[in-house]
């Protein structure tokens, strides 16, 4: 005997004849393959949803990617009030969000404007509440782009969030 298990030599039966059922010969390597595949899959995270946030002083637009994280779609508009953080946290848990993209509010001079301070505060609160990666995406007139596409309505801020979310996806994927 050369130390190679019966059935692994490349012949159909091995040196001892055809005593072992063929199923057993196939299952041993299949079980090993399954274990290797499960290990590999555990090393690479599955695609996840990304939440886009278009922050405003009165309203906050939200957008969400599909389950593969490939394209963003308007989700809803929520009021910017005392319940903002808890509302966003609930949506993150309900929709199984894995990352967050927030519009970076900068002025025409390229510097952060007055709204950016409130955005930084929201980022800090979200970091403590959910601990997910948060990315800033320059929003450069995302609300104006949404207005050009659909006009002013109840979903304008959500459409602006989808525009900035898709901008992030195009830039990073």
Protein backbone atom coordinates (compact mmCIF):
# COMPACT_ATOMS: atom_id res chain seq x y z
CA UNK A 1 0.00 0.00 0.00
CA UNK A 2 1.31 3.40 -0.97
CA UNK A 3 -0.64 5.49 1.63
CA UNK A 4 -3.15 6.84 -0.89
CA UNK A 5 -6.74 6.09 0.16
CA UNK A 6 -8.65 3.64 -1.94
CA UNK A 7 -10.54 5.40 -4.72
CA UNK A 8 -8.18 8.39 -4.83
CA UNK A 9 -5.70 6.85 -7.24
CA UNK A 10 -7.64 7.73 -10.34
CA UNK A 11 -8.87 4.19 -10.95
CA UNK A 12 -12.51 3.38 -10.40
CA UNK A 13 -12.13 0.85 -7.58
CA UNK A 14 -8.69 1.01 -5.98
CA UNK A 15 -6.38 -1.92 -5.24
CA UNK A 16 -8.85 -3.76 -3.00
CA UNK A 17 -11.47 -4.27 -5.70
CA UNK A 18 -14.86 -2.62 -5.81
CA UNK A 19 -15.87 -3.21 -2.18
CA UNK A 20 -16.52 0.48 -1.34
CA UNK A 21 -19.66 2.01 -2.75
CA UNK A 22 -18.96 4.78 -5.28
CA UNK A 23 -21.00 7.26 -3.18
CA UNK A 24 -18.49 7.11 -0.32
CA UNK A 25 -15.63 7.87 -2.69
CA UNK A 26 -17.43 10.95 -3.98
CA UNK A 27 -18.68 12.26 -0.64
CA UNK A 28 -15.29 12.47 1.02
CA UNK A 29 -13.89 14.97 -1.47
CA UNK A 30 -17.27 16.74 -1.64
CA UNK A 31 -17.29 17.27 2.14
CA UNK A 32 -13.79 18.71 1.95
CA UNK A 33 -14.80 20.98 -0.93
CA UNK A 34 -17.85 22.16 1.01
CA UNK A 35 -15.71 23.04 4.03
CA UNK A 36 -13.25 24.95 1.85
CA UNK A 37 -16.06 26.86 0.12
CA UNK A 38 -17.68 27.80 3.44
CA UNK A 39 -14.34 29.07 4.69
CA UNK A 40 -13.80 31.16 1.55
CA UNK A 41 -17.32 32.62 1.74
CA UNK A 42 -16.75 33.59 5.37
CA UNK A 43 -13.71 35.63 4.31
CA UNK A 44 -15.61 37.73 1.78
CA UNK A 45 -18.65 39.68 2.96
CA UNK A 46 -21.84 39.31 1.00
CA UNK A 47 -23.23 42.34 -0.78
CA UNK A 48 -25.17 44.63 1.50
CA UNK A 49 -27.53 47.54 1.33
CA UNK A 50 -26.22 51.07 1.58
CA UNK A 51 -28.27 53.94 3.00
CA UNK A 52 -27.93 57.37 1.39
CA UNK A 53 -28.75 60.47 3.44
CA UNK A 54 -29.41 63.94 2.02
CA UNK A 55 -29.37 66.05 5.18
CA UNK A 56 -31.41 69.23 5.38
CA UNK A 57 -32.29 71.52 8.25
CA UNK A 58 -36.03 70.80 7.86
CA UNK A 59 -36.20 67.47 6.02
CA UNK A 60 -33.84 64.54 5.48
CA UNK A 61 -34.02 62.50 2.29
CA UNK A 62 -33.21 58.81 2.46
CA UNK A 63 -32.30 56.41 -0.34
CA UNK A 64 -31.44 52.74 -0.27
CA UNK A 65 -29.56 50.46 -2.62
CA UNK A 66 -30.90 47.18 -3.88
CA UNK A 67 -29.82 44.09 -1.94
CA UNK A 68 -26.65 43.77 -4.01
CA UNK A 69 -25.61 47.36 -3.32
CA UNK A 70 -25.49 48.14 -7.03
CA UNK A 71 -28.04 50.98 -7.47
CA UNK A 72 -29.71 53.48 -5.17
CA UNK A 73 -33.42 54.26 -5.10
CA UNK A 74 -35.38 56.96 -3.23
CA UNK A 75 -36.77 55.58 0.03
CA UNK A 76 -38.50 58.33 2.02
CA UNK A 77 -38.32 61.82 3.44
CA UNK A 78 -38.35 62.26 7.21
CA UNK A 79 -38.53 65.41 9.31
CA UNK A 80 -35.35 66.70 10.88
CA UNK A 81 -36.61 66.68 14.44
CA UNK A 82 -35.78 65.13 17.80
CA UNK A 83 -36.62 61.65 16.47
CA UNK A 84 -34.19 61.82 13.53
CA UNK A 85 -31.50 59.53 14.99
CA UNK A 86 -33.94 56.91 16.26
CA UNK A 87 -35.81 56.90 12.94
CA UNK A 88 -32.63 56.41 10.93
CA UNK A 89 -31.40 53.72 13.35
CA UNK A 90 -34.69 51.83 13.01
CA UNK A 91 -34.47 51.96 9.21
CA UNK A 92 -30.87 50.71 9.32
CA UNK A 93 -31.90 47.71 11.42
CA UNK A 94 -35.09 46.98 9.46
CA UNK A 95 -33.46 47.18 6.01
CA UNK A 96 -30.23 45.44 7.10
CA UNK A 97 -28.00 48.32 6.06
CA UNK A 98 -24.25 47.72 6.14
CA UNK A 99 -22.89 51.15 5.13
CA UNK A 100 -24.05 54.77 5.13
CA UNK A 101 -23.36 57.56 2.64
CA UNK A 102 -24.10 61.12 3.73
CA UNK A 103 -24.04 64.14 1.45
CA UNK A 104 -21.13 66.43 2.19
CA UNK A 105 -22.51 69.96 2.23
CA UNK A 106 -19.93 72.36 0.84
CA UNK A 107 -20.28 75.92 -0.40
CA UNK A 108 -19.36 77.29 -3.82
CA UNK A 109 -15.92 78.11 -2.45
CA UNK A 110 -15.31 74.39 -1.79
CA UNK A 111 -15.36 74.81 1.98
CA UNK A 112 -17.81 73.23 4.42
CA UNK A 113 -20.90 75.39 4.92
CA UNK A 114 -23.07 75.96 8.00
CA UNK A 115 -25.06 72.73 7.46
CA UNK A 116 -21.87 70.65 7.56
CA UNK A 117 -21.57 71.16 11.33
CA UNK A 118 -24.97 69.52 11.85
CA UNK A 119 -23.97 66.73 9.44
CA UNK A 120 -20.79 66.08 11.46
CA UNK A 121 -22.93 65.88 14.60
CA UNK A 122 -25.23 63.35 12.91
CA UNK A 123 -22.21 61.32 11.79
CA UNK A 124 -20.93 61.19 15.38
CA UNK A 125 -24.34 60.15 16.70
CA UNK A 126 -24.76 57.46 14.02
CA UNK A 127 -21.27 56.12 14.66
CA UNK A 128 -22.09 55.66 18.35
CA UNK A 129 -25.57 54.26 17.65
CA UNK A 130 -24.87 51.74 14.87
CA UNK A 131 -21.09 51.53 14.37
CA UNK A 132 -21.32 51.20 10.58
CA UNK A 133 -18.88 52.68 8.06
CA UNK A 134 -20.00 56.18 7.07
CA UNK A 135 -18.80 57.85 3.88
CA UNK A 136 -19.13 61.47 2.83
CA UNK A 137 -20.10 62.14 -0.78
CA UNK A 138 -19.99 65.67 -2.20
CA UNK A 139 -23.59 66.52 -2.94
CA UNK A 140 -23.01 69.38 -5.40
CA UNK A 141 -26.57 70.49 -6.06
CA UNK A 142 -28.18 67.05 -5.67
CA UNK A 143 -31.47 68.70 -4.68
CA UNK A 144 -31.38 70.94 -7.77
CA UNK A 145 -30.71 67.87 -9.93
CA UNK A 146 -33.70 66.11 -8.35
CA UNK A 147 -35.86 69.18 -9.00
CA UNK A 148 -34.85 69.17 -12.67
CA UNK A 149 -35.69 65.47 -12.97
CA UNK A 150 -39.05 65.41 -11.19
CA UNK A 151 -40.04 68.86 -10.00
CA UNK A 152 -40.78 69.80 -6.40
CA UNK A 153 -42.87 67.21 -4.57
CA UNK A 154 -42.86 65.22 -1.33
CA UNK A 155 -40.12 62.87 -2.60
CA UNK A 156 -37.64 65.51 -3.84
CA UNK A 157 -35.25 65.07 -0.91
CA UNK A 158 -35.34 61.26 -1.24
CA UNK A 159 -34.55 61.63 -4.96
CA UNK A 160 -31.62 63.90 -4.01
CA UNK A 161 -30.41 61.18 -1.61
CA UNK A 162 -30.62 58.62 -4.43
CA UNK A 163 -28.60 60.92 -6.72
CA UNK A 164 -25.79 61.29 -4.19
CA UNK A 165 -25.91 57.56 -3.34
CA UNK A 166 -25.59 56.62 -7.01
CA UNK A 167 -22.76 59.13 -7.38
CA UNK A 168 -20.92 57.37 -4.55
CA UNK A 169 -21.57 53.95 -6.11
CA UNK A 170 -20.27 55.07 -9.52
CA UNK A 171 -17.16 56.57 -7.98
CA UNK A 172 -16.27 53.59 -5.77
CA UNK A 173 -17.41 50.49 -7.63
